[in-house]
Amino acid sequence: MKNKLEEIRKQRGIKQEELATALEVSRQTIGSLENGRYNPSILLAFKIALFFDKTIEEIFIYEEEKPC
């Protein structure tokens, strides 16, 4: 799943470590989210959206996988 997490975080001047602490996850989790290697649980997606005062849809971009 694509997302705008890194872009939004940098616009706010927040480091990965600071965001991780606020969300009670590891910095590696934030890095994995930003690189698209990890999709957040619904609870974590809500926490991120609340932290940035945005909707989940403004941060995470859902793309349906198309069959081959």
N, C-alpha and C. Protein backbone atom coordinates (compact mmCIF):
# COMPACT_ATOMS: atom_id res chain seq x y z
N MET A 1 0.85 -1.17 0.00
CA MET A 1 0.00 0.00 0.00
C MET A 1 0.90 1.24 0.00
N LYS A 2 0.62 2.15 -0.89
CA LYS A 2 1.38 3.39 -0.93
C LYS A 2 0.88 4.33 0.16
N ASN A 3 1.75 5.27 0.54
CA ASN A 3 1.32 6.24 1.54
C ASN A 3 2.14 7.52 1.43
N LYS A 4 1.65 8.55 2.09
CA LYS A 4 2.30 9.85 2.10
C LYS A 4 2.92 10.15 3.47
N LEU A 5 3.17 9.11 4.23
CA LEU A 5 3.63 9.28 5.60
C LEU A 5 4.94 10.05 5.68
N GLU A 6 5.92 9.67 4.89
CA GLU A 6 7.22 10.35 4.94
C GLU A 6 7.09 11.82 4.56
N GLU A 7 6.33 12.08 3.51
CA GLU A 7 6.11 13.45 3.05
C GLU A 7 5.45 14.31 4.14
N ILE A 8 4.41 13.79 4.76
CA ILE A 8 3.70 14.52 5.80
C ILE A 8 4.59 14.72 7.03
N ARG A 9 5.31 13.67 7.39
CA ARG A 9 6.19 13.75 8.56
C ARG A 9 7.26 14.82 8.36
N LYS A 10 7.88 14.84 7.18
CA LYS A 10 8.94 15.81 6.90
C LYS A 10 8.39 17.24 6.83
N GLN A 11 7.17 17.39 6.29
CA GLN A 11 6.55 18.72 6.23
C GLN A 11 6.37 19.29 7.63
N ARG A 12 6.10 18.42 8.59
CA ARG A 12 5.89 18.85 9.98
C ARG A 12 7.18 18.95 10.77
N GLY A 13 8.30 18.55 10.15
CA GLY A 13 9.58 18.62 10.83
C GLY A 13 9.73 17.61 11.95
N ILE A 14 9.13 16.44 11.77
CA ILE A 14 9.16 15.40 12.80
C ILE A 14 10.10 14.29 12.35
N LYS A 15 10.97 13.85 13.25
CA LYS A 15 11.88 12.75 12.95
C LYS A 15 11.17 11.42 13.12
N GLN A 16 11.69 10.40 12.45
CA GLN A 16 11.12 9.06 12.57
C GLN A 16 11.06 8.62 14.03
N GLU A 17 12.12 8.90 14.77
CA GLU A 17 12.18 8.50 16.17
C GLU A 17 11.08 9.17 17.00
N GLU A 18 10.83 10.44 16.72
CA GLU A 18 9.79 11.18 17.45
C GLU A 18 8.41 10.61 17.16
N LEU A 19 8.16 10.31 15.89
CA LEU A 19 6.86 9.74 15.51
C LEU A 19 6.70 8.36 16.13
N ALA A 20 7.75 7.57 16.08
CA ALA A 20 7.70 6.23 16.66
C ALA A 20 7.37 6.28 18.15
N THR A 21 8.00 7.19 18.86
CA THR A 21 7.74 7.34 20.30
C THR A 21 6.28 7.73 20.54
N ALA A 22 5.79 8.68 19.77
CA ALA A 22 4.41 9.15 19.94
C ALA A 22 3.40 8.05 19.66
N LEU A 23 3.73 7.17 18.71
CA LEU A 23 2.80 6.10 18.32
C LEU A 23 3.06 4.79 19.05
N GLU A 24 4.10 4.78 19.89
CA GLU A 24 4.47 3.58 20.66
C GLU A 24 4.83 2.40 19.76
N VAL A 25 5.63 2.71 18.72
CA VAL A 25 6.16 1.67 17.83
C VAL A 25 7.66 1.94 17.68
N SER A 26 8.37 1.06 16.99
CA SER A 26 9.80 1.26 16.79
C SER A 26 10.05 2.19 15.60
N ARG A 27 11.25 2.76 15.57
CA ARG A 27 11.64 3.59 14.43
C ARG A 27 11.67 2.74 13.16
N GLN A 28 12.04 1.47 13.31
CA GLN A 28 12.07 0.57 12.15
C GLN A 28 10.68 0.38 11.57
N THR A 29 9.66 0.37 12.42
CA THR A 29 8.28 0.25 11.93
C THR A 29 7.92 1.46 11.09
N ILE A 30 8.30 2.65 11.54
CA ILE A 30 8.03 3.86 10.77
C ILE A 30 8.75 3.81 9.43
N GLY A 31 10.01 3.40 9.45
CA GLY A 31 10.77 3.27 8.21
C GLY A 31 10.14 2.28 7.25
N SER A 32 9.71 1.16 7.78
CA SER A 32 9.07 0.13 6.94
C SER A 32 7.75 0.63 6.36
N LEU A 33 6.99 1.37 7.14
CA LEU A 33 5.74 1.95 6.65
C LEU A 33 6.03 2.92 5.51
N GLU A 34 7.00 3.80 5.72
CA GLU A 34 7.33 4.81 4.72
C GLU A 34 7.84 4.20 3.42
N ASN A 35 8.54 3.08 3.52
CA ASN A 35 9.07 2.42 2.33
C ASN A 35 8.10 1.43 1.70
N GLY A 36 6.91 1.29 2.28
CA GLY A 36 5.92 0.39 1.72
C GLY A 36 6.19 -1.08 1.96
N ARG A 37 7.11 -1.38 2.88
CA ARG A 37 7.41 -2.79 3.18
C ARG A 37 6.45 -3.37 4.20
N TYR A 38 5.68 -2.51 4.83
CA TYR A 38 4.79 -2.93 5.92
C TYR A 38 3.49 -2.14 5.82
N ASN A 39 2.37 -2.84 5.91
CA ASN A 39 1.07 -2.18 5.96
C ASN A 39 0.63 -2.12 7.41
N PRO A 40 0.15 -0.96 7.85
CA PRO A 40 -0.22 -0.82 9.26
C PRO A 40 -1.50 -1.56 9.60
N SER A 41 -1.61 -1.93 10.87
CA SER A 41 -2.89 -2.44 11.35
C SER A 41 -3.88 -1.29 11.29
N ILE A 42 -5.13 -1.58 11.36
CA ILE A 42 -6.15 -0.53 11.32
C ILE A 42 -5.97 0.40 12.53
N LEU A 43 -5.62 -0.15 13.68
CA LEU A 43 -5.40 0.66 14.87
C LEU A 43 -4.23 1.63 14.67
N LEU A 44 -3.13 1.15 14.12
CA LEU A 44 -1.98 2.02 13.88
C LEU A 44 -2.31 3.07 12.82
N ALA A 45 -3.05 2.70 11.79
CA ALA A 45 -3.45 3.68 10.77
C ALA A 45 -4.28 4.80 11.40
N PHE A 46 -5.19 4.45 12.31
CA PHE A 46 -5.99 5.46 13.00
C PHE A 46 -5.11 6.35 13.88
N LYS A 47 -4.16 5.75 14.60
CA LYS A 47 -3.26 6.53 15.45
C LYS A 47 -2.46 7.53 14.63
N ILE A 48 -1.96 7.08 13.47
CA ILE A 48 -1.19 7.97 12.59
C ILE A 48 -2.07 9.11 12.09
N ALA A 49 -3.27 8.78 11.65
CA ALA A 49 -4.19 9.80 11.16
C ALA A 49 -4.53 10.82 12.25
N LEU A 50 -4.80 10.35 13.45
CA LEU A 50 -5.10 11.25 14.56
C LEU A 50 -3.90 12.12 14.91
N PHE A 51 -2.71 11.54 14.91
CA PHE A 51 -1.50 12.28 15.24
C PHE A 51 -1.31 13.47 14.28
N PHE A 52 -1.56 13.24 13.00
CA PHE A 52 -1.36 14.28 11.99
C PHE A 52 -2.63 15.08 11.70
N ASP A 53 -3.72 14.76 12.40
CA ASP A 53 -5.01 15.43 12.20
C ASP A 53 -5.45 15.35 10.74
N LYS A 54 -5.36 14.13 10.20
CA LYS A 54 -5.76 13.86 8.82
C LYS A 54 -6.62 12.60 8.81
N THR A 55 -7.26 12.35 7.69
CA THR A 55 -8.00 11.10 7.55
C THR A 55 -7.03 10.01 7.11
N ILE A 56 -7.41 8.78 7.34
CA ILE A 56 -6.59 7.66 6.89
C ILE A 56 -6.38 7.75 5.38
N GLU A 57 -7.43 8.12 4.65
CA GLU A 57 -7.36 8.20 3.19
C GLU A 57 -6.41 9.28 2.70
N GLU A 58 -6.17 10.30 3.52
CA GLU A 58 -5.23 11.35 3.15
C GLU A 58 -3.78 10.89 3.29
N ILE A 59 -3.56 9.85 4.05
CA ILE A 59 -2.21 9.35 4.30
C ILE A 59 -1.93 8.07 3.51
N PHE A 60 -2.88 7.16 3.52
CA PHE A 60 -2.68 5.86 2.88
C PHE A 60 -3.50 5.74 1.60
N ILE A 61 -2.84 5.26 0.54
CA ILE A 61 -3.49 5.15 -0.77
C ILE A 61 -3.70 3.67 -1.08
N TYR A 62 -4.96 3.29 -1.08
CA TYR A 62 -5.30 1.89 -1.37
C TYR A 62 -5.39 1.70 -2.88
N GLU A 63 -4.67 0.70 -3.37
CA GLU A 63 -4.75 0.35 -4.79
C GLU A 63 -5.09 -1.12 -4.89
N GLU A 64 -6.18 -1.41 -5.59
CA GLU A 64 -6.56 -2.80 -5.76
C GLU A 64 -5.57 -3.49 -6.68
N GLU A 65 -5.22 -4.71 -6.31
CA GLU A 65 -4.35 -5.49 -7.18
C GLU A 65 -5.18 -6.00 -8.35
N LYS A 66 -4.65 -5.80 -9.54
CA LYS A 66 -5.37 -6.25 -10.74
C LYS A 66 -4.91 -7.65 -11.09
N PRO A 67 -5.86 -8.53 -11.43
CA PRO A 67 -5.48 -9.90 -11.81
C PRO A 67 -4.66 -9.89 -13.10
N CYS A 68 -3.76 -10.85 -13.19
CA CYS A 68 -2.89 -10.94 -14.37
C CYS A 68 -3.65 -11.34 -15.60
